[in-house]
């Protein structure tokens, strides 16, 4: 196939770029509830029926083709906590997570007219919920631990097509993973801890 210069100029000029490896897109809601006379952040513990059972997360999931990231966060919250859309007030969006595998958007919302102890979540996805006082999160920092991801090749990997063959020095990827040491025996780490900490940093930044 031969291209005239004018043709490939037009092709590239009109092309809309996107990631070569398009990451899956997810959206979560960071829910605030007024509980025991103060503001709390609400968390879910994932059920044994879904991936990462027992981990702590925010309500959320994959963004469907016919909805915005905000609509996905609200829909997932309704489905997982078994509450009506009318109880959720989205007050804004905060920073989100991007890597080669996923994009995770995060919206902050207030859940109105609800008693935490009476929430009956969808047991197909959620084992139970718990809350942490906002004042506790403001007073307690997570600890970040380093983790390294190393490239491991599989049998049949075409080293013969590389200049340095098996001596090629693949780069390792370093990550900092946050962990909260919670007093109630619950677990809070990873993406959910990242978004929790960023939310708290935003609140602190405004109060300075």
Protein backbone atom coordinates (compact mmCIF):
# COMPACT_ATOMS: atom_id res chain seq x y z
CA UNK A 1 0.00 0.00 0.00
CA UNK A 2 1.35 3.42 -1.00
CA UNK A 3 0.31 6.67 0.58
CA UNK A 4 0.59 10.10 -0.98
CA UNK A 5 2.02 12.71 1.36
CA UNK A 6 -1.28 14.59 1.38
CA UNK A 7 -3.10 11.43 2.49
CA UNK A 8 -0.96 10.54 5.48
CA UNK A 9 -0.84 14.20 6.49
CA UNK A 10 -4.65 14.24 6.59
CA UNK A 11 -4.85 10.89 8.42
CA UNK A 12 -2.53 12.02 11.21
CA UNK A 13 -3.93 15.56 11.38
CA UNK A 14 -7.48 14.28 11.85
CA UNK A 15 -6.60 11.41 14.21
CA UNK A 16 -7.75 11.69 17.84
CA UNK A 17 -5.02 10.19 20.08
CA UNK A 18 -5.79 7.88 22.98
CA UNK A 19 -3.75 5.52 25.16
CA UNK A 20 -2.25 2.61 23.20
CA UNK A 21 -3.34 0.27 25.95
CA UNK A 22 -6.66 1.74 26.90
CA UNK A 23 -7.15 1.26 30.65
CA UNK A 24 -10.44 0.11 32.12
CA UNK A 25 -12.38 3.03 33.57
CA UNK A 26 -14.02 2.86 36.99
CA UNK A 27 -15.74 5.35 39.23
CA UNK A 28 -16.31 5.39 42.98
CA UNK A 29 -18.24 7.48 45.48
CA UNK A 30 -16.57 8.59 48.70
CA UNK A 31 -19.69 8.68 50.89
CA UNK A 32 -20.09 11.07 53.82
CA UNK A 33 -22.74 10.36 56.46
CA UNK A 34 -23.70 12.27 59.59
CA UNK A 35 -23.42 9.64 62.29
CA UNK A 36 -23.20 9.90 66.09
CA UNK A 37 -23.27 13.71 65.93
CA UNK A 38 -20.31 14.05 63.56
CA UNK A 39 -19.32 13.46 59.96
CA UNK A 40 -18.06 10.01 59.02
CA UNK A 41 -16.67 8.43 55.85
CA UNK A 42 -18.48 5.22 54.96
CA UNK A 43 -16.65 2.13 53.69
CA UNK A 44 -17.69 -1.27 52.34
CA UNK A 45 -16.10 -4.65 52.99
CA UNK A 46 -16.23 -6.68 49.78
CA UNK A 47 -18.12 -9.98 49.84
CA UNK A 48 -16.68 -13.38 49.02
CA UNK A 49 -18.68 -13.40 45.76
CA UNK A 50 -16.50 -10.81 44.01
CA UNK A 51 -12.83 -10.09 43.40
CA UNK A 52 -10.64 -8.99 46.31
CA UNK A 53 -13.00 -10.42 48.96
CA UNK A 54 -12.59 -8.95 52.43
CA UNK A 55 -10.90 -5.78 51.19
CA UNK A 56 -12.22 -2.36 52.09
CA UNK A 57 -13.52 -0.20 49.26
CA UNK A 58 -15.82 2.64 48.34
CA UNK A 59 -19.04 1.97 46.42
CA UNK A 60 -18.08 1.87 42.76
CA UNK A 61 -17.46 -0.10 39.63
CA UNK A 62 -16.89 -0.03 35.89
CA UNK A 63 -18.26 2.89 33.90
CA UNK A 64 -20.79 1.72 31.33
CA UNK A 65 -20.78 3.04 27.77
CA UNK A 66 -23.96 5.04 28.16
CA UNK A 67 -23.08 6.94 31.36
CA UNK A 68 -20.70 9.54 32.74
CA UNK A 69 -18.20 8.81 35.50
CA UNK A 70 -20.42 10.64 37.99
CA UNK A 71 -23.50 8.68 36.94
CA UNK A 72 -21.56 5.43 37.35
CA UNK A 73 -20.48 6.34 40.89
CA UNK A 74 -24.08 7.11 41.92
CA UNK A 75 -25.51 4.03 40.23
CA UNK A 76 -22.99 1.72 41.86
CA UNK A 77 -23.63 3.28 45.26
CA UNK A 78 -27.38 2.73 44.86
CA UNK A 79 -26.87 -0.89 43.78
CA UNK A 80 -24.36 -1.79 46.49
CA UNK A 81 -25.91 0.01 49.46
CA UNK A 82 -29.49 -0.61 48.32
CA UNK A 83 -30.48 3.04 48.64
CA UNK A 84 -32.38 5.39 46.34
CA UNK A 85 -30.65 7.88 44.08
CA UNK A 86 -32.54 10.71 45.77
CA UNK A 87 -30.58 10.16 49.00
CA UNK A 88 -27.24 10.87 47.31
CA UNK A 89 -25.96 14.41 46.84
CA UNK A 90 -22.75 14.56 44.83
CA UNK A 91 -20.83 17.62 45.99
CA UNK A 92 -17.81 17.33 43.71
CA UNK A 93 -14.96 15.35 42.22
CA UNK A 94 -11.45 14.98 43.62
CA UNK A 95 -8.18 13.73 42.11
CA UNK A 96 -8.26 10.32 40.50
CA UNK A 97 -5.95 7.34 39.95
CA UNK A 98 -4.37 6.62 36.58
CA UNK A 99 -2.04 3.80 35.61
CA UNK A 100 -1.56 1.54 32.58
CA UNK A 101 -4.34 -0.79 33.74
CA UNK A 102 -7.07 1.43 35.19
CA UNK A 103 -8.45 4.91 35.62
CA UNK A 104 -10.45 5.31 38.85
CA UNK A 105 -12.49 8.51 39.21
CA UNK A 106 -13.56 9.61 42.68
CA UNK A 107 -16.61 11.68 43.60
CA UNK A 108 -17.49 12.92 47.08
CA UNK A 109 -21.13 12.65 48.06
CA UNK A 110 -23.35 13.08 51.08
CA UNK A 111 -25.88 10.35 51.84
CA UNK A 112 -28.88 12.02 53.42
CA UNK A 113 -31.60 10.67 55.71
CA UNK A 114 -29.95 7.35 56.48
CA UNK A 115 -29.03 5.48 59.64
CA UNK A 116 -25.74 3.67 59.26
CA UNK A 117 -26.83 0.78 61.46
CA UNK A 118 -29.87 0.20 59.26
CA UNK A 119 -28.05 0.03 55.92
CA UNK A 120 -28.73 -3.37 54.37
CA UNK A 121 -26.20 -3.65 51.55
CA UNK A 122 -26.42 -5.94 48.57
CA UNK A 123 -24.90 -9.13 50.00
CA UNK A 124 -23.85 -10.33 46.55
CA UNK A 125 -21.23 -7.58 46.54
CA UNK A 126 -20.92 -6.24 50.08
CA UNK A 127 -20.31 -8.19 53.27
CA UNK A 128 -20.93 -5.22 55.58
CA UNK A 129 -20.23 -1.50 55.96
CA UNK A 130 -18.42 0.53 58.58
CA UNK A 131 -17.57 4.19 59.10
CA UNK A 132 -14.63 6.24 60.30
CA UNK A 133 -15.08 9.68 61.87
CA UNK A 134 -13.74 12.46 59.69
CA UNK A 135 -11.91 13.82 62.72
CA UNK A 136 -10.08 10.49 63.12
CA UNK A 137 -8.86 10.61 59.53
CA UNK A 138 -7.81 14.25 59.94
CA UNK A 139 -5.73 13.30 62.98
CA UNK A 140 -4.18 10.06 61.70
CA UNK A 141 -1.90 9.72 58.69
CA UNK A 142 -1.46 6.53 56.66
CA UNK A 143 1.97 4.94 56.40
CA UNK A 144 3.33 4.45 52.88
CA UNK A 145 5.29 1.28 52.14
CA UNK A 146 7.42 0.68 49.06
CA UNK A 147 6.71 -2.23 46.72
CA UNK A 148 8.58 -3.19 43.56
CA UNK A 149 7.06 -4.86 40.51
CA UNK A 150 9.53 -6.91 38.46
CA UNK A 151 8.98 -8.07 34.86
CA UNK A 152 8.82 -11.85 34.65
CA UNK A 153 8.76 -13.41 31.20
CA UNK A 154 6.96 -16.60 30.21
CA UNK A 155 8.27 -19.63 28.36
CA UNK A 156 8.77 -18.88 24.69
CA UNK A 157 9.44 -15.17 25.22
CA UNK A 158 11.28 -14.01 22.00
CA UNK A 159 14.60 -12.95 23.48
CA UNK A 160 16.19 -13.70 20.08
CA UNK A 161 14.39 -10.67 18.67
CA UNK A 162 16.06 -8.33 21.21
CA UNK A 163 19.54 -6.82 20.90
CA UNK A 164 20.65 -7.96 24.35
CA UNK A 165 18.59 -11.13 24.51
CA UNK A 166 18.24 -12.61 28.00
CA UNK A 167 20.66 -9.98 29.31
CA UNK A 168 18.14 -7.20 28.69
CA UNK A 169 17.71 -5.10 31.82
CA UNK A 170 13.94 -4.73 32.28
CA UNK A 171 13.02 -1.77 34.46
CA UNK A 172 11.32 -2.48 37.73
CA UNK A 173 8.34 -0.36 38.82
CA UNK A 174 8.33 1.15 42.29
CA UNK A 175 5.06 1.93 44.05
CA UNK A 176 4.19 3.52 47.36
CA UNK A 177 1.17 1.83 48.93
CA UNK A 178 -0.62 3.54 51.85
CA UNK A 179 -1.89 1.65 54.90
CA UNK A 180 -4.01 2.99 57.75
CA UNK A 181 -3.65 1.35 61.16
CA UNK A 182 -7.29 1.38 62.23
CA UNK A 183 -8.42 0.92 65.85
CA UNK A 184 -11.49 -1.14 64.97
CA UNK A 185 -9.70 -4.12 63.41
CA UNK A 186 -10.75 -3.16 59.87
CA UNK A 187 -8.39 -2.86 56.90
CA UNK A 188 -7.80 0.26 54.81
CA UNK A 189 -5.04 0.27 52.21
CA UNK A 190 -4.32 0.56 48.48
CA UNK A 191 -6.50 2.61 46.14
CA UNK A 192 -9.16 3.27 48.78
CA UNK A 193 -6.54 4.51 51.23
CA UNK A 194 -5.01 6.65 48.45
CA UNK A 195 -8.31 8.37 47.76
CA UNK A 196 -9.11 8.72 51.46
CA UNK A 197 -5.75 10.38 52.11
CA UNK A 198 -6.09 12.69 49.11
CA UNK A 199 -9.56 13.75 50.30
CA UNK A 200 -8.14 14.56 53.72
CA UNK A 201 -5.22 16.48 52.19
CA UNK A 202 -7.67 18.59 50.19
CA UNK A 203 -9.64 19.42 53.35
CA UNK A 204 -6.46 20.28 55.24
CA UNK A 205 -5.19 22.43 52.37
CA UNK A 206 -8.33 24.55 52.42
CA UNK A 207 -8.19 25.04 56.19
CA UNK A 208 -4.62 26.45 56.16
